[in-house]
Amino acid sequence: MKEASENKTSELLIPFVGLFRTFAVALISPYLGLALYRKGLPLPYVGIVYVMLAVIGALGQLFGGAASDKLGRRKVMIFSQIGSGFALVLMGMSFLISGYFVFIVMSLFQNFFGSSNMAAFNAYVGELGSDQNGMIRGYSRMRIGINVGWAAGPLIGGVMIGYLGFKNTWIISGLIVLASSVLFLFLKAKQRFYSNLDISTFKDLDYLKKISPFVLIYAFIAQFGLTLTIYETVNMNVPVSLYGLIYLLNGAIVAVFQMPMAKMLYSKNIVRWIEYGIIFYIVGFFVYAFGGLIYALLGTCITTLGENIVSPLSMTFANLLSKEEKRGSYLGVFGMLSSSSRSLGSLYGSFLLSKLTNPFEIWSSADLLGALSIVYFSLINRSKRSF
């Protein structure tokens, strides 16, 4: 009875943990490149820093997942959250000195700790859900907090930088991250610990085969990020001040509709419904081709409905395929794959924008990636039961 009550409390805390850990980082993340430039780093080298961050983030996912199998989810979440907070504070303090070396080094540490935290958090949420429906419910709650954080963070962060400057905004972000580490103390879960910290997940070829379609899936849905931002603000001349409405709408739709849609997905065929969610993305992306803020908001409504389907089901899919005793390691590999694939998606989107000018050609080419991901995902996973 006590254990059930503790698990229920933990489930209810999940969106708040997701909100505070995400909101604090979202205050500064969109302005990292600008901060590097202001500190004197030439623009061509800013891109190199982002590549370094992607590599470090992937390693952090692997480490955080494997370490949480060995040490426990909560310990890794608390330690990595504290490490992330201190790194952010030091990034802010680095504005007191000239040059960008300290800022870059601390940003790499912050990304490593943040990715480790996310890997352990994903494993923790999956562990709370004893079955498919429980996992869908847990990841849906997690997404609500994360998306609200991403909806509000960049807008508030931009205002804070304007009034308080880069140094104070980064320090405040770090202090919020440090304060939010207290929330992890209230998370409880029945968990066994395992003695071997390894990455033998890479030897599970069946698991790697079944998650391999997510390379295309995450590269495709990543078009909602950098590609859409440049397309709307540069190609379509949507003012940056109004472009933030897209993220606000995205966060609002997740907050309102994620849980009702999650209940609709209970006991459904995960493979088939992930494919349906990708179709929503395909339709929404094509709507962007009509240009202008109104169509951008309409397209966002459609893509976010797809996101509400694909995101919790993808994590549930990866959880159900993983071995219980190495859940963290398996989800660490899945997290590494997803973050790397998103980076590839950004590169693909940048290539489309540099080579194509017709909006319908741009988004049709993006949608081609989505169609291919459905075909590949179906061929790999629908021919037989995956679980």
Protein backbone atom coordinates (compact mmCIF):
# COMPACT_ATOMS: atom_id res chain seq x y z
CA MET A 1 0.00 0.00 0.00
CA LYS A 2 2.83 2.38 0.95
CA GLU A 3 4.75 1.47 -2.22
CA ALA A 4 1.69 2.12 -4.39
CA SER A 5 1.22 5.52 -2.74
CA GLU A 6 4.90 6.42 -3.28
CA ASN A 7 4.72 5.39 -6.93
CA LYS A 8 1.57 7.50 -7.39
CA THR A 9 3.30 10.51 -5.85
CA SER A 10 6.27 9.99 -8.16
CA GLU A 11 3.99 9.81 -11.21
CA LEU A 12 2.37 13.11 -10.24
CA LEU A 13 5.78 14.75 -9.74
CA ILE A 14 7.08 13.73 -13.18
CA PRO A 15 5.62 16.71 -15.13
CA PHE A 16 6.96 19.17 -12.53
CA VAL A 17 10.44 17.65 -12.67
CA GLY A 18 10.27 17.83 -16.46
CA LEU A 19 9.07 21.44 -16.32
CA PHE A 20 11.73 22.87 -14.00
CA ARG A 21 14.71 20.98 -15.46
CA THR A 22 13.66 22.01 -18.98
CA PHE A 23 12.53 25.58 -18.30
CA ALA A 24 15.85 26.53 -16.72
CA VAL A 25 17.89 25.23 -19.66
CA ALA A 26 15.39 26.62 -22.20
CA LEU A 27 16.07 30.11 -20.83
CA ILE A 28 19.54 30.05 -22.38
CA SER A 29 19.77 27.22 -24.95
CA PRO A 30 18.42 29.20 -27.95
CA TYR A 31 20.96 31.94 -27.25
CA LEU A 32 24.08 29.77 -26.86
CA GLY A 33 25.34 30.50 -30.37
CA LEU A 34 24.73 34.21 -29.90
CA ALA A 35 26.61 34.13 -26.59
CA LEU A 36 29.59 32.42 -28.22
CA TYR A 37 29.61 35.04 -30.96
CA ARG A 38 29.40 37.87 -28.42
CA LYS A 39 32.35 36.36 -26.58
CA GLY A 40 34.41 36.57 -29.76
CA LEU A 41 34.13 33.14 -31.37
CA PRO A 42 34.00 33.47 -35.20
CA LEU A 43 30.71 32.28 -36.67
CA PRO A 44 32.21 29.36 -38.65
CA TYR A 45 33.53 27.91 -35.39
CA VAL A 46 30.17 28.20 -33.64
CA GLY A 47 28.96 25.30 -35.78
CA ILE A 48 31.94 23.23 -34.68
CA VAL A 49 30.99 23.82 -31.04
CA TYR A 50 27.48 22.52 -31.77
CA VAL A 51 28.97 19.36 -33.29
CA MET A 52 31.09 18.91 -30.16
CA LEU A 53 28.00 19.36 -28.01
CA ALA A 54 26.16 16.68 -30.02
CA VAL A 55 29.01 14.20 -29.51
CA ILE A 56 29.28 14.97 -25.80
CA GLY A 57 25.50 14.71 -25.45
CA ALA A 58 25.51 11.26 -27.04
CA LEU A 59 28.25 10.11 -24.65
CA GLY A 60 26.27 11.58 -21.75
CA GLN A 61 23.21 9.56 -22.76
CA LEU A 62 25.27 6.35 -22.77
CA PHE A 63 26.96 7.12 -19.45
CA GLY A 64 23.79 8.25 -17.67
CA GLY A 65 21.83 5.19 -18.74
CA ALA A 66 24.56 2.69 -17.82
CA ALA A 67 25.42 4.46 -14.55
CA SER A 68 21.77 4.48 -13.48
CA ASP A 69 21.68 0.69 -13.90
CA LYS A 70 24.65 0.43 -11.55
CA LEU A 71 24.06 3.22 -9.04
CA GLY A 72 20.31 3.79 -9.22
CA ARG A 73 18.20 6.23 -11.21
CA ARG A 74 17.70 8.81 -8.48
CA LYS A 75 21.37 9.07 -7.52
CA VAL A 76 22.41 9.67 -11.11
CA MET A 77 19.59 12.19 -11.66
CA ILE A 78 20.53 14.20 -8.56
CA PHE A 79 24.28 14.13 -9.23
CA SER A 80 23.92 15.06 -12.91
CA GLN A 81 21.38 17.82 -12.13
CA ILE A 82 23.76 19.39 -9.61
CA GLY A 83 26.64 19.09 -12.09
CA SER A 84 24.55 20.74 -14.79
CA GLY A 85 23.57 23.59 -12.46
CA PHE A 86 27.16 24.34 -11.40
CA ALA A 87 28.30 24.25 -15.03
CA LEU A 88 25.64 26.82 -15.97
CA VAL A 89 26.66 29.11 -13.10
CA LEU A 90 30.31 28.90 -14.19
CA MET A 91 29.27 29.64 -17.78
CA GLY A 92 27.66 32.81 -16.48
CA MET A 93 30.71 33.71 -14.39
CA SER A 94 32.92 33.27 -17.46
CA PHE A 95 31.44 36.50 -18.84
CA LEU A 96 33.59 38.28 -16.26
CA ILE A 97 36.73 37.25 -18.14
CA SER A 98 37.71 37.71 -21.75
CA GLY A 99 37.74 34.90 -24.29
CA TYR A 100 35.44 31.96 -24.86
CA PHE A 101 37.49 28.93 -23.76
CA VAL A 102 36.00 28.58 -20.25
CA PHE A 103 32.49 29.16 -21.59
CA ILE A 104 32.89 26.40 -24.20
CA VAL A 105 34.41 23.91 -21.74
CA MET A 106 31.62 24.50 -19.22
CA SER A 107 28.98 24.21 -21.94
CA LEU A 108 30.39 20.76 -22.80
CA PHE A 109 30.25 19.72 -19.15
CA GLN A 110 26.70 21.05 -18.87
CA ASN A 111 25.58 19.14 -21.94
CA PHE A 112 27.18 15.93 -20.66
CA PHE A 113 25.49 16.22 -17.27
CA GLY A 114 22.16 17.27 -18.81
CA SER A 115 22.18 14.32 -21.23
CA SER A 116 23.12 11.92 -18.41
CA ASN A 117 20.23 13.26 -16.37
CA MET A 118 17.80 12.78 -19.25
CA ALA A 119 18.90 9.18 -19.83
CA ALA A 120 18.37 8.31 -16.16
CA PHE A 121 15.06 10.21 -16.10
CA ASN A 122 13.80 8.31 -19.15
CA ALA A 123 14.73 5.00 -17.52
CA TYR A 124 13.06 6.06 -14.27
CA VAL A 125 9.79 6.99 -15.96
CA GLY A 126 9.79 3.72 -17.90
CA GLU A 127 10.38 1.83 -14.66
CA LEU A 128 7.36 3.40 -12.99
CA GLY A 129 5.11 2.05 -15.73
CA SER A 130 4.73 -1.67 -15.16
CA ASP A 131 3.07 -2.23 -18.53
CA GLN A 132 2.52 -0.56 -21.90
CA ASN A 133 -0.30 1.67 -20.69
CA GLY A 134 1.66 2.77 -17.62
CA MET A 135 4.64 3.72 -19.75
CA ILE A 136 2.49 5.71 -22.18
CA ARG A 137 0.91 7.53 -19.23
CA GLY A 138 4.30 8.27 -17.62
CA TYR A 139 5.99 9.55 -20.76
CA SER A 140 2.95 11.65 -21.62
CA ARG A 141 3.10 13.34 -18.22
CA MET A 142 6.80 13.90 -18.66
CA ARG A 143 6.23 15.54 -22.04
CA ILE A 144 3.68 17.98 -20.67
CA GLY A 145 6.23 19.47 -18.27
CA ILE A 146 9.06 19.44 -20.82
CA ASN A 147 7.03 21.11 -23.57
CA VAL A 148 5.62 23.80 -21.28
CA GLY A 149 9.20 24.52 -20.23
CA TRP A 150 10.32 24.82 -23.83
CA ALA A 151 7.32 26.99 -24.68
CA ALA A 152 7.97 29.54 -21.92
CA GLY A 153 11.75 29.33 -21.49
CA PRO A 154 13.03 30.91 -24.72
CA LEU A 155 10.53 33.78 -24.54
CA ILE A 156 11.36 34.63 -20.92
CA GLY A 157 15.07 34.01 -21.51
CA GLY A 158 15.15 36.52 -24.34
CA VAL A 159 13.57 39.16 -22.11
CA MET A 160 15.99 38.35 -19.27
CA ILE A 161 19.03 38.68 -21.54
CA GLY A 162 17.71 42.02 -22.76
CA TYR A 163 17.30 43.39 -19.24
CA LEU A 164 19.83 41.43 -17.15
CA GLY A 165 22.50 40.49 -19.67
CA PHE A 166 24.06 37.15 -20.56
CA LYS A 167 26.00 36.69 -17.31
CA ASN A 168 23.05 37.07 -14.95
CA THR A 169 20.69 35.06 -17.13
CA TRP A 170 23.09 32.11 -17.24
CA ILE A 171 23.67 32.28 -13.48
CA ILE A 172 19.93 32.40 -12.77
CA SER A 173 19.43 29.41 -15.09
CA GLY A 174 22.05 27.47 -13.15
CA LEU A 175 20.52 28.38 -9.80
CA ILE A 176 17.10 27.18 -10.97
CA VAL A 177 18.64 23.89 -12.10
CA LEU A 178 20.37 23.48 -8.73
CA ALA A 179 17.15 24.26 -6.86
CA SER A 180 15.16 21.82 -8.98
CA SER A 181 17.49 18.97 -7.96
CA VAL A 182 15.54 18.90 -4.68
CA LEU A 183 12.51 17.57 -6.57
CA PHE A 184 14.41 14.37 -7.39
CA LEU A 185 14.62 13.61 -3.66
CA PHE A 186 10.85 13.09 -3.61
CA LEU A 187 10.87 10.57 -6.45
CA LYS A 188 10.44 7.01 -5.24
CA ALA A 189 10.43 3.76 -7.16
CA LYS A 190 10.95 0.10 -6.52
CA GLN A 191 14.26 -0.61 -8.19
CA ARG A 192 16.91 -3.29 -8.22
CA PHE A 193 20.53 -2.43 -8.82
CA TYR A 194 22.93 -4.36 -11.00
CA SER A 195 26.67 -4.81 -10.64
CA ASN A 196 27.98 -4.59 -14.17
CA LEU A 197 28.35 -1.17 -15.71
CA ASP A 198 28.87 -1.83 -19.41
CA ILE A 199 27.61 -0.99 -22.87
CA SER A 200 26.89 -4.54 -23.99
CA THR A 201 23.63 -3.19 -25.42
CA PHE A 202 25.59 -2.68 -28.63
CA LYS A 203 25.82 -6.47 -28.90
CA ASP A 204 22.03 -6.88 -28.92
CA LEU A 205 21.65 -6.83 -32.68
CA ASP A 206 17.90 -7.51 -32.56
CA TYR A 207 17.35 -4.41 -30.42
CA LEU A 208 19.57 -2.28 -32.65
CA LYS A 209 17.75 -3.54 -35.74
CA LYS A 210 14.31 -2.71 -34.36
CA ILE A 211 15.24 0.81 -33.24
CA SER A 212 17.23 1.58 -36.42
CA PRO A 213 14.18 3.12 -38.21
CA PHE A 214 14.23 5.88 -35.58
CA VAL A 215 17.30 7.30 -37.31
CA LEU A 216 14.97 8.34 -40.15
CA ILE A 217 12.03 9.11 -37.85
CA TYR A 218 13.95 11.53 -35.61
CA ALA A 219 15.80 13.07 -38.56
CA PHE A 220 12.38 13.74 -40.09
CA ILE A 221 10.63 15.22 -37.06
CA ALA A 222 13.72 17.38 -36.41
CA GLN A 223 12.52 19.55 -39.31
CA PHE A 224 10.24 21.18 -36.74
CA GLY A 225 13.35 22.80 -35.25
CA LEU A 226 16.10 24.56 -37.17
CA THR A 227 14.56 24.00 -40.62
CA LEU A 228 11.22 25.53 -39.67
CA THR A 229 12.86 28.43 -37.84
CA ILE A 230 14.98 29.49 -40.82
CA TYR A 231 12.18 28.83 -43.31
CA GLU A 232 9.61 30.96 -41.49
CA THR A 233 11.86 33.82 -40.38
CA VAL A 234 14.05 34.07 -43.50
CA ASN A 235 12.13 32.59 -46.43
CA MET A 236 8.65 33.66 -45.29
CA ASN A 237 9.73 36.83 -43.42
CA VAL A 238 7.77 36.01 -40.28
CA PRO A 239 9.06 38.40 -37.56
CA VAL A 240 11.15 36.66 -34.89
CA SER A 241 8.94 38.28 -32.24
CA LEU A 242 5.90 36.51 -33.70
CA TYR A 243 7.68 33.25 -34.46
CA GLY A 244 7.67 32.48 -30.73
CA LEU A 245 3.91 31.99 -31.04
CA ILE A 246 4.63 28.69 -32.80
CA TYR A 247 6.39 27.29 -29.73
CA LEU A 248 3.75 28.71 -27.41
CA LEU A 249 1.03 26.98 -29.46
CA ASN A 250 3.04 23.74 -29.50
CA GLY A 251 3.39 23.81 -25.72
CA ALA A 252 -0.27 24.67 -25.19
CA ILE A 253 -1.49 21.79 -27.39
CA VAL A 254 0.77 19.35 -25.55
CA ALA A 255 -0.41 20.61 -22.15
CA VAL A 256 -4.11 20.35 -23.06
CA PHE A 257 -4.29 17.29 -25.30
CA GLN A 258 -1.38 15.02 -24.34
CA MET A 259 -3.11 13.11 -21.53
CA PRO A 260 -6.46 12.64 -23.36
CA MET A 261 -4.56 11.39 -26.39
CA ALA A 262 -2.42 9.14 -24.19
CA LYS A 263 -5.56 7.47 -22.82
CA MET A 264 -6.74 6.98 -26.39
CA LEU A 265 -3.46 5.16 -27.13
CA TYR A 266 -3.75 2.67 -24.27
CA SER A 267 -3.54 -0.94 -25.50
CA LYS A 268 -3.21 0.20 -29.12
CA ASN A 269 -0.76 -1.33 -31.61
CA ILE A 270 2.35 0.80 -31.01
CA VAL A 271 3.91 0.21 -34.42
CA ARG A 272 0.76 1.15 -36.33
CA TRP A 273 0.11 4.28 -34.24
CA ILE A 274 3.66 5.55 -34.54
CA GLU A 275 3.10 5.35 -38.30
CA TYR A 276 -0.17 7.30 -37.93
CA GLY A 277 1.68 9.94 -35.90
CA ILE A 278 4.30 10.34 -38.62
CA ILE A 279 1.48 10.88 -41.14
CA PHE A 280 0.26 13.81 -39.00
CA TYR A 281 3.78 15.25 -39.23
CA ILE A 282 3.81 14.80 -43.02
CA VAL A 283 0.51 16.65 -43.42
CA GLY A 284 1.52 19.42 -41.01
CA PHE A 285 4.86 19.98 -42.69
CA PHE A 286 3.19 20.25 -46.09
CA VAL A 287 0.86 22.95 -44.73
CA TYR A 288 3.95 25.06 -43.94
CA ALA A 289 4.59 25.26 -47.68
CA PHE A 290 1.63 27.62 -48.12
CA GLY A 291 3.62 30.29 -46.24
CA GLY A 292 2.78 32.93 -43.66
CA LEU A 293 2.08 32.91 -39.95
CA ILE A 294 -1.51 31.60 -40.22
CA TYR A 295 -0.45 28.49 -42.12
CA ALA A 296 2.55 28.13 -39.79
CA LEU A 297 0.19 27.99 -36.81
CA LEU A 298 -2.19 25.61 -38.59
CA GLY A 299 0.70 23.33 -39.56
CA THR A 300 1.94 23.42 -35.97
CA CYS A 301 -1.47 22.29 -34.71
CA ILE A 302 -1.28 19.24 -36.97
CA THR A 303 2.37 18.39 -36.33
CA THR A 304 1.90 18.70 -32.56
CA LEU A 305 -0.92 16.16 -32.66
CA GLY A 306 1.55 13.86 -34.40
CA GLU A 307 4.11 14.67 -31.74
CA ASN A 308 1.62 13.75 -29.01
CA ILE A 309 1.39 10.31 -30.60
CA VAL A 310 4.96 9.61 -31.68
CA SER A 311 6.87 10.91 -28.66
CA PRO A 312 5.37 8.81 -25.82
CA LEU A 313 4.95 5.75 -28.03
CA SER A 314 8.59 5.89 -29.18
CA MET A 315 9.89 5.82 -25.61
CA THR A 316 7.42 3.08 -24.71
CA PHE A 317 8.55 1.10 -27.77
CA ALA A 318 12.21 1.37 -26.73
CA ASN A 319 11.32 0.42 -23.14
CA LEU A 320 9.37 -2.67 -24.08
CA LEU A 321 12.24 -3.90 -26.22
CA SER A 322 14.84 -3.40 -23.48
CA LYS A 323 16.02 -5.92 -20.92
CA GLU A 324 14.80 -4.97 -17.46
CA GLU A 325 18.18 -5.42 -15.77
CA LYS A 326 19.82 -3.02 -18.24
CA ARG A 327 16.95 -0.66 -18.95
CA GLY A 328 19.13 2.42 -18.43
CA SER A 329 21.81 1.20 -20.83
CA TYR A 330 19.24 0.37 -23.49
CA LEU A 331 17.53 3.74 -23.20
CA GLY A 332 20.93 5.43 -23.18
CA VAL A 333 21.64 3.91 -26.58
CA PHE A 334 18.18 4.94 -27.78
CA GLY A 335 18.77 8.47 -26.51
CA MET A 336 22.12 8.62 -28.26
CA LEU A 337 20.45 7.49 -31.49
CA SER A 338 17.65 10.04 -31.18
CA SER A 339 19.90 13.03 -30.43
CA SER A 340 22.36 12.10 -33.20
CA SER A 341 19.52 11.62 -35.66
CA ARG A 342 18.07 15.02 -34.83
CA SER A 343 21.44 16.55 -35.65
CA LEU A 344 21.44 14.72 -38.98
CA GLY A 345 17.92 16.02 -39.57
CA SER A 346 19.08 19.59 -39.03
CA LEU A 347 21.86 19.07 -41.55
CA TYR A 348 19.35 17.65 -44.05
CA GLY A 349 17.03 20.61 -43.52
CA SER A 350 19.88 23.08 -43.94
CA PHE A 351 20.82 21.35 -47.20
CA LEU A 352 17.23 21.63 -48.49
CA LEU A 353 17.05 25.32 -47.64
CA SER A 354 20.38 26.00 -49.33
CA LYS A 355 19.46 24.18 -52.55
CA LEU A 356 15.72 24.78 -52.93
CA THR A 357 13.68 27.98 -52.99
CA ASN A 358 10.17 26.75 -53.82
CA PRO A 359 8.32 26.13 -50.52
CA PHE A 360 6.49 23.09 -51.89
CA GLU A 361 9.76 21.54 -53.06
CA ILE A 362 11.33 22.16 -49.65
CA TRP A 363 8.56 20.55 -47.62
CA SER A 364 7.86 17.78 -50.13
CA SER A 365 11.52 16.82 -49.87
CA ALA A 366 11.25 16.88 -46.09
CA ASP A 367 8.10 14.75 -46.23
CA LEU A 368 9.90 12.24 -48.43
CA LEU A 369 12.09 11.48 -45.43
CA GLY A 370 8.95 10.90 -43.36
CA ALA A 371 7.46 8.55 -45.95
CA LEU A 372 10.70 6.55 -46.09
CA SER A 373 10.74 6.29 -42.30
CA ILE A 374 7.23 4.79 -42.32
CA VAL A 375 8.18 2.21 -44.93
CA TYR A 376 11.37 1.20 -43.14
CA PHE A 377 9.71 1.12 -39.70
CA SER A 378 6.88 -1.03 -41.04
CA LEU A 379 9.22 -3.48 -42.79
CA ILE A 380 11.37 -3.94 -39.69
CA ASN A 381 8.68 -4.13 -37.01
CA ARG A 382 5.26 -4.94 -38.42
CA SER A 383 6.04 -8.36 -39.95
CA LYS A 384 6.13 -9.90 -36.47
CA ARG A 385 5.35 -8.83 -32.92
CA SER A 386 8.15 -6.70 -31.54
CA PHE A 387 7.52 -7.51 -27.89
